[in-house]
PDB file of all heavy atoms in Angstrom:
ATOM      1  N   ARG A   1     -82.727  61.740  25.120  1.00  0.00           N
ATOM      2  CA  ARG A   1     -83.661  62.794  24.876  1.00  0.00           C
ATOM      3  C   ARG A   1     -84.978  62.533  25.704  1.00  0.00           C
ATOM      4  O   ARG A   1     -85.518  61.254  25.688  1.00  0.00           O
ATOM      5  CB  ARG A   1     -83.939  63.056  23.411  1.00  0.00           C
ATOM      6  CG  ARG A   1     -82.741  63.360  22.587  1.00  0.00           C
ATOM      7  CD  ARG A   1     -82.437  64.895  22.914  1.00  0.00           C
ATOM      8  NE  ARG A   1     -81.167  65.293  22.209  1.00  0.00           N
ATOM      9  CZ  ARG A   1     -81.297  66.004  21.063  1.00  0.00           C
ATOM     10  NH1 ARG A   1     -82.476  66.369  20.531  1.00  0.00           N
ATOM     11  NH2 ARG A   1     -80.272  66.354  20.434  1.00  0.00           N
ATOM     12  N   VAL A   2     -85.652  63.510  26.166  1.00  0.00           N
ATOM     13  CA  VAL A   2     -86.936  63.331  26.780  1.00  0.00           C
ATOM     14  C   VAL A   2     -88.008  63.870  25.825  1.00  0.00           C
ATOM     15  O   VAL A   2     -87.940  65.053  25.274  1.00  0.00           O
ATOM     16  CB  VAL A   2     -87.108  64.131  28.055  1.00  0.00           C
ATOM     17  CG1 VAL A   2     -88.510  64.003  28.572  1.00  0.00           C
ATOM     18  CG2 VAL A   2     -86.117  63.633  29.126  1.00  0.00           C
ATOM     19  N   THR A   3     -88.857  63.104  25.249  1.00  0.00           N
ATOM     20  CA  THR A   3     -89.945  63.363  24.309  1.00  0.00           C
ATOM     21  C   THR A   3     -90.834  64.444  24.762  1.00  0.00           C
ATOM     22  O   THR A   3     -91.239  64.558  25.886  1.00  0.00           O
ATOM     23  CB  THR A   3     -90.509  62.195  23.636  1.00  0.00           C
ATOM     24  OG1 THR A   3     -91.417  61.691  24.707  1.00  0.00           O
ATOM     25  CG2 THR A   3     -89.597  61.208  23.150  1.00  0.00           C
ATOM     26  N   ASP A   4     -91.393  65.126  23.776  1.00  0.00           N
ATOM     27  CA  ASP A   4     -92.373  66.142  24.082  1.00  0.00           C
ATOM     28  C   ASP A   4     -93.668  65.566  24.691  1.00  0.00           C
ATOM     29  O   ASP A   4     -94.324  66.047  25.590  1.00  0.00           O
ATOM     30  CB  ASP A   4     -92.898  66.903  22.835  1.00  0.00           C
ATOM     31  CG  ASP A   4     -91.840  67.875  22.365  1.00  0.00           C
ATOM     32  OD1 ASP A   4     -90.742  68.140  22.998  1.00  0.00           O
ATOM     33  OD2 ASP A   4     -91.977  68.340  21.159  1.00  0.00           O
ATOM     34  N   GLU A   5     -93.964  64.318  24.279  1.00  0.00           N
ATOM     35  CA  GLU A   5     -95.080  63.676  24.878  1.00  0.00           C
ATOM     36  C   GLU A   5     -94.931  63.347  26.252  1.00  0.00           C
ATOM     37  O   GLU A   5     -95.995  63.403  27.000  1.00  0.00           O
ATOM     38  CB  GLU A   5     -95.441  62.338  24.023  1.00  0.00           C
ATOM     39  CG  GLU A   5     -96.742  61.776  24.334  1.00  0.00           C
ATOM     40  CD  GLU A   5     -97.148  60.604  23.431  1.00  0.00           C
ATOM     41  OE1 GLU A   5     -96.412  60.289  22.415  1.00  0.00           O
ATOM     42  OE2 GLU A   5     -98.217  60.054  23.656  1.00  0.00           O
ATOM     43  N   VAL A   6     -93.740  62.951  26.675  1.00  0.00           N
ATOM     44  CA  VAL A   6     -93.570  62.739  28.080  1.00  0.00           C
ATOM     45  C   VAL A   6     -93.736  63.966  28.917  1.00  0.00           C
ATOM     46  O   VAL A   6     -94.331  64.069  30.135  1.00  0.00           O
ATOM     47  CB  VAL A   6     -92.147  62.080  28.275  1.00  0.00           C
ATOM     48  CG1 VAL A   6     -91.802  62.212  29.924  1.00  0.00           C
ATOM     49  CG2 VAL A   6     -92.110  60.777  27.855  1.00  0.00           C
ATOM     50  N   ILE A   7     -93.258  65.066  28.359  1.00  0.00           N
ATOM     51  CA  ILE A   7     -93.411  66.526  29.035  1.00  0.00           C
ATOM     52  C   ILE A   7     -94.842  66.827  29.039  1.00  0.00           C
ATOM     53  O   ILE A   7     -95.341  67.296  30.106  1.00  0.00           O
ATOM     54  CB  ILE A   7     -92.516  67.510  28.294  1.00  0.00           C
ATOM     55  CG1 ILE A   7     -91.038  67.080  28.269  1.00  0.00           C
ATOM     56  CG2 ILE A   7     -92.739  68.843  28.868  1.00  0.00           C
ATOM     57  CD1 ILE A   7     -90.185  67.985  27.524  1.00  0.00           C
ATOM     58  N   TYR A   8     -95.617  66.595  27.979  1.00  0.00           N
ATOM     59  CA  TYR A   8     -97.061  66.968  27.965  1.00  0.00           C
ATOM     60  C   TYR A   8     -97.748  66.128  29.039  1.00  0.00           C
ATOM     61  O   TYR A   8     -98.666  66.606  29.754  1.00  0.00           O
ATOM     62  CB  TYR A   8     -97.743  66.567  26.559  1.00  0.00           C
ATOM     63  CG  TYR A   8     -97.098  67.341  25.433  1.00  0.00           C
ATOM     64  CD1 TYR A   8     -97.074  66.761  24.190  1.00  0.00           C
ATOM     65  CD2 TYR A   8     -96.494  68.569  25.442  1.00  0.00           C
ATOM     66  CE1 TYR A   8     -96.438  67.273  23.101  1.00  0.00           C
ATOM     67  CE2 TYR A   8     -96.032  69.215  24.481  1.00  0.00           C
ATOM     68  CZ  TYR A   8     -95.998  68.627  23.192  1.00  0.00           C
ATOM     69  OH  TYR A   8     -95.332  69.231  22.139  1.00  0.00           O
ATOM     70  N   TYR A   9     -97.302  64.798  29.137  1.00  0.00           N
ATOM     71  CA  TYR A   9     -98.023  63.908  30.165  1.00  0.00           C
ATOM     72  C   TYR A   9     -97.787  64.444  31.517  1.00  0.00           C
ATOM     73  O   TYR A   9     -98.687  64.466  32.322  1.00  0.00           O
ATOM     74  CB  TYR A   9     -97.471  62.491  29.918  1.00  0.00           C
ATOM     75  CG  TYR A   9     -97.994  61.562  30.818  1.00  0.00           C
ATOM     76  CD1 TYR A   9     -99.348  61.213  30.927  1.00  0.00           C
ATOM     77  CD2 TYR A   9     -97.177  60.842  31.760  1.00  0.00           C
ATOM     78  CE1 TYR A   9     -99.905  60.250  31.873  1.00  0.00           C
ATOM     79  CE2 TYR A   9     -97.690  59.887  32.600  1.00  0.00           C
ATOM     80  CZ  TYR A   9     -98.982  59.600  32.646  1.00  0.00           C
ATOM     81  OH  TYR A   9     -99.548  58.679  33.559  1.00  0.00           O
ATOM     82  N   ARG A  10     -96.532  64.887  31.799  1.00  0.00           N
ATOM     83  CA  ARG A  10     -96.284  65.277  33.117  1.00  0.00           C
ATOM     84  C   ARG A  10     -97.029  66.639  33.486  1.00  0.00           C
ATOM     85  O   ARG A  10     -97.470  66.791  34.589  1.00  0.00           O
ATOM     86  CB  ARG A  10     -94.660  65.557  33.392  1.00  0.00           C
ATOM     87  CG  ARG A  10     -94.023  64.271  33.145  1.00  0.00           C
ATOM     88  CD  ARG A  10     -92.503  64.465  33.503  1.00  0.00           C
ATOM     89  NE  ARG A  10     -92.294  64.417  34.977  1.00  0.00           N
ATOM     90  CZ  ARG A  10     -91.114  64.643  35.578  1.00  0.00           C
ATOM     91  NH1 ARG A  10     -90.001  64.785  34.848  1.00  0.00           N
ATOM     92  NH2 ARG A  10     -90.934  64.571  36.854  1.00  0.00           N
ATOM     93  N   LYS A  11     -97.179  67.520  32.524  1.00  0.00           N
ATOM     94  CA  LYS A  11     -97.963  68.719  32.693  1.00  0.00           C
ATOM     95  C   LYS A  11     -99.309  68.344  32.909  1.00  0.00           C
ATOM     96  O   LYS A  11    -100.091  68.993  33.642  1.00  0.00           O
ATOM     97  CB  LYS A  11     -97.732  69.611  31.444  1.00  0.00           C
ATOM     98  CG  LYS A  11     -96.337  70.288  31.535  1.00  0.00           C
ATOM     99  CD  LYS A  11     -96.134  71.299  30.274  1.00  0.00           C
ATOM    100  CE  LYS A  11     -94.837  72.007  30.298  1.00  0.00           C
ATOM    101  NZ  LYS A  11     -94.719  73.039  29.291  1.00  0.00           N
ATOM    102  N   TRP A  12     -99.860  67.491  32.083  1.00  0.00           N
ATOM    103  CA  TRP A  12    -101.272  67.021  32.241  1.00  0.00           C
ATOM    104  C   TRP A  12    -101.586  66.508  33.659  1.00  0.00           C
ATOM    105  O   TRP A  12    -102.601  66.868  34.145  1.00  0.00           O
ATOM    106  CB  TRP A  12    -101.525  65.939  31.062  1.00  0.00           C
ATOM    107  CG  TRP A  12    -102.918  65.397  31.208  1.00  0.00           C
ATOM    108  CD1 TRP A  12    -104.098  65.911  30.807  1.00  0.00           C
ATOM    109  CD2 TRP A  12    -103.313  64.075  31.663  1.00  0.00           C
ATOM    110  NE1 TRP A  12    -105.194  65.093  31.028  1.00  0.00           N
ATOM    111  CE2 TRP A  12    -104.745  63.943  31.624  1.00  0.00           C
ATOM    112  CE3 TRP A  12    -102.489  63.045  32.179  1.00  0.00           C
ATOM    113  CZ2 TRP A  12    -105.323  62.769  31.963  1.00  0.00           C
ATOM    114  CZ3 TRP A  12    -103.153  61.853  32.552  1.00  0.00           C
ATOM    115  CH2 TRP A  12    -104.641  61.733  32.364  1.00  0.00           C
ATOM    116  N   ILE A  13    -100.651  65.700  34.121  1.00  0.00           N
ATOM    117  CA  ILE A  13    -100.951  65.133  35.541  1.00  0.00           C
ATOM    118  C   ILE A  13    -100.870  66.349  36.494  1.00  0.00           C
ATOM    119  O   ILE A  13    -101.687  66.431  37.345  1.00  0.00           O
ATOM    120  CB  ILE A  13     -99.756  64.286  35.949  1.00  0.00           C
ATOM    121  CG1 ILE A  13     -99.848  62.856  35.161  1.00  0.00           C
ATOM    122  CG2 ILE A  13     -99.623  63.981  37.351  1.00  0.00           C
ATOM    123  CD1 ILE A  13     -98.684  61.927  35.459  1.00  0.00           C
ATOM    124  N   LYS A  14     -99.905  67.308  36.442  1.00  0.00           N
ATOM    125  CA  LYS A  14     -99.845  68.380  37.407  1.00  0.00           C
ATOM    126  C   LYS A  14    -101.074  69.234  37.318  1.00  0.00           C
ATOM    127  O   LYS A  14    -101.635  69.716  38.400  1.00  0.00           O
ATOM    128  CB  LYS A  14     -98.660  69.216  37.024  1.00  0.00           C
ATOM    129  CG  LYS A  14     -98.287  70.147  38.154  1.00  0.00           C
ATOM    130  CD  LYS A  14     -97.005  70.924  37.789  1.00  0.00           C
ATOM    131  CE  LYS A  14     -96.515  71.818  38.846  1.00  0.00           C
ATOM    132  NZ  LYS A  14     -96.072  71.030  40.093  1.00  0.00           N
ATOM    133  N   GLU A  15    -101.618  69.502  36.080  1.00  0.00           N
ATOM    134  CA  GLU A  15    -102.911  70.310  35.975  1.00  0.00           C
ATOM    135  C   GLU A  15    -104.191  69.485  36.275  1.00  0.00           C
ATOM    136  O   GLU A  15    -105.057  70.132  36.915  1.00  0.00           O
ATOM    137  CB  GLU A  15    -102.927  70.871  34.443  1.00  0.00           C
ATOM    138  CG  GLU A  15    -101.851  71.658  34.079  1.00  0.00           C
ATOM    139  CD  GLU A  15    -101.778  72.001  32.642  1.00  0.00           C
ATOM    140  OE1 GLU A  15    -102.582  71.456  31.861  1.00  0.00           O
ATOM    141  OE2 GLU A  15    -100.881  72.897  32.246  1.00  0.00           O
ATOM    142  N   THR A  16    -104.176  68.273  35.907  1.00  0.00           N
ATOM    143  CA  THR A  16    -105.473  67.537  36.179  1.00  0.00           C
ATOM    144  C   THR A  16    -105.651  66.975  37.538  1.00  0.00           C
ATOM    145  O   THR A  16    -106.785  66.706  38.109  1.00  0.00           O
ATOM    146  CB  THR A  16    -105.504  66.322  35.216  1.00  0.00           C
ATOM    147  OG1 THR A  16    -105.234  66.946  33.825  1.00  0.00           O
ATOM    148  CG2 THR A  16    -106.882  65.645  35.146  1.00  0.00           C
ATOM    149  N   PHE A  17    -104.437  66.646  38.218  1.00  0.00           N
ATOM    150  CA  PHE A  17    -104.592  66.022  39.546  1.00  0.00           C
ATOM    151  C   PHE A  17    -103.724  66.871  40.460  1.00  0.00           C
ATOM    152  O   PHE A  17    -102.759  66.426  41.093  1.00  0.00           O
ATOM    153  CB  PHE A  17    -103.970  64.527  39.507  1.00  0.00           C
ATOM    154  CG  PHE A  17    -104.615  63.702  38.485  1.00  0.00           C
ATOM    155  CD1 PHE A  17    -103.995  63.432  37.184  1.00  0.00           C
ATOM    156  CD2 PHE A  17    -105.867  63.084  38.709  1.00  0.00           C
ATOM    157  CE1 PHE A  17    -104.712  62.683  36.288  1.00  0.00           C
ATOM    158  CE2 PHE A  17    -106.516  62.319  37.800  1.00  0.00           C
ATOM    159  CZ  PHE A  17    -105.962  62.139  36.576  1.00  0.00           C
ATOM    160  N   PRO A  18    -104.140  68.130  40.832  1.00  0.00           N
ATOM    161  CA  PRO A  18    -103.468  68.850  41.775  1.00  0.00           C
ATOM    162  C   PRO A  18    -103.526  68.303  43.204  1.00  0.00           C
ATOM    163  O   PRO A  18    -104.627  67.667  43.567  1.00  0.00           O
ATOM    164  CB  PRO A  18    -104.069  70.202  41.626  1.00  0.00           C
ATOM    165  CG  PRO A  18    -105.371  69.983  41.065  1.00  0.00           C
ATOM    166  CD  PRO A  18    -105.283  68.736  40.226  1.00  0.00           C
ATOM    167  N   LEU A  19    -102.597  68.573  44.037  1.00  0.00           N
ATOM    168  CA  LEU A  19    -102.678  68.159  45.328  1.00  0.00           C
ATOM    169  C   LEU A  19    -103.572  68.934  46.240  1.00  0.00           C
ATOM    170  O   LEU A  19    -103.758  70.110  46.021  1.00  0.00           O
ATOM    171  CB  LEU A  19    -101.269  68.224  46.056  1.00  0.00           C
ATOM    172  CG  LEU A  19    -100.222  67.399  45.511  1.00  0.00           C
ATOM    173  CD1 LEU A  19     -98.946  67.676  46.216  1.00  0.00           C
ATOM    174  CD2 LEU A  19    -100.545  65.926  45.707  1.00  0.00           C
ATOM    175  N   SER A  20    -104.489  68.337  46.962  1.00  0.00           N
ATOM    176  CA  SER A  20    -105.307  69.026  47.924  1.00  0.00           C
ATOM    177  C   SER A  20    -104.518  69.497  49.144  1.00  0.00           C
ATOM    178  O   SER A  20    -103.381  69.028  49.286  1.00  0.00           O
ATOM    179  CB  SER A  20    -106.476  68.032  48.415  1.00  0.00           C
ATOM    180  OG  SER A  20    -105.887  67.018  49.119  1.00  0.00           O
ATOM    181  N   LEU A  21    -105.136  70.291  49.942  1.00  0.00           N
ATOM    182  CA  LEU A  21    -104.512  70.850  51.062  1.00  0.00           C
ATOM    183  C   LEU A  21    -104.121  69.709  52.011  1.00  0.00           C
ATOM    184  O   LEU A  21    -102.963  69.825  52.562  1.00  0.00           O
ATOM    185  CB  LEU A  21    -105.368  71.862  51.828  1.00  0.00           C
ATOM    186  CG  LEU A  21    -105.493  73.241  51.085  1.00  0.00           C
ATOM    187  CD1 LEU A  21    -106.425  74.146  51.805  1.00  0.00           C
ATOM    188  CD2 LEU A  21    -104.262  73.942  50.857  1.00  0.00           C
ATOM    189  N   GLY A  22    -104.919  68.725  52.201  1.00  0.00           N
ATOM    190  CA  GLY A  22    -104.672  67.640  53.058  1.00  0.00           C
ATOM    191  C   GLY A  22    -103.445  66.889  52.557  1.00  0.00           C
ATOM    192  O   GLY A  22    -102.605  66.360  53.301  1.00  0.00           O
ATOM    193  N   GLU A  23    -103.488  66.561  51.232  1.00  0.00           N
ATOM    194  CA  GLU A  23    -102.408  65.837  50.742  1.00  0.00           C
ATOM    195  C   GLU A  23    -101.101  66.597  50.776  1.00  0.00           C
ATOM    196  O   GLU A  23     -99.974  65.958  51.063  1.00  0.00           O
ATOM    197  CB  GLU A  23    -102.569  65.627  49.170  1.00  0.00           C
ATOM    198  CG  GLU A  23    -103.734  64.495  49.020  1.00  0.00           C
ATOM    199  CD  GLU A  23    -104.267  64.506  47.623  1.00  0.00           C
ATOM    200  OE1 GLU A  23    -104.146  65.478  46.877  1.00  0.00           O
ATOM    201  OE2 GLU A  23    -104.920  63.423  47.316  1.00  0.00           O
ATOM    202  N   VAL A  24    -101.012  67.928  50.619  1.00  0.00           N
ATOM    203  CA  VAL A  24     -99.808  68.725  50.746  1.00  0.00           C
ATOM    204  C   VAL A  24     -99.351  68.689  52.198  1.00  0.00           C
ATOM    205  O   VAL A  24     -98.168  68.378  52.491  1.00  0.00           O
ATOM    206  CB  VAL A  24    -100.124  70.277  50.442  1.00  0.00           C
ATOM    207  CG1 VAL A  24     -98.905  71.034  50.837  1.00  0.00           C
ATOM    208  CG2 VAL A  24    -100.432  70.387  48.897  1.00  0.00           C
TER     209      VAL A  24
END
């Protein structure tokens, strides 16, 4: 099972550290 906390953490990373155009 993948815990909710792992899913929250992955979403937090995606929202908090989005890729810049240069990084993309």
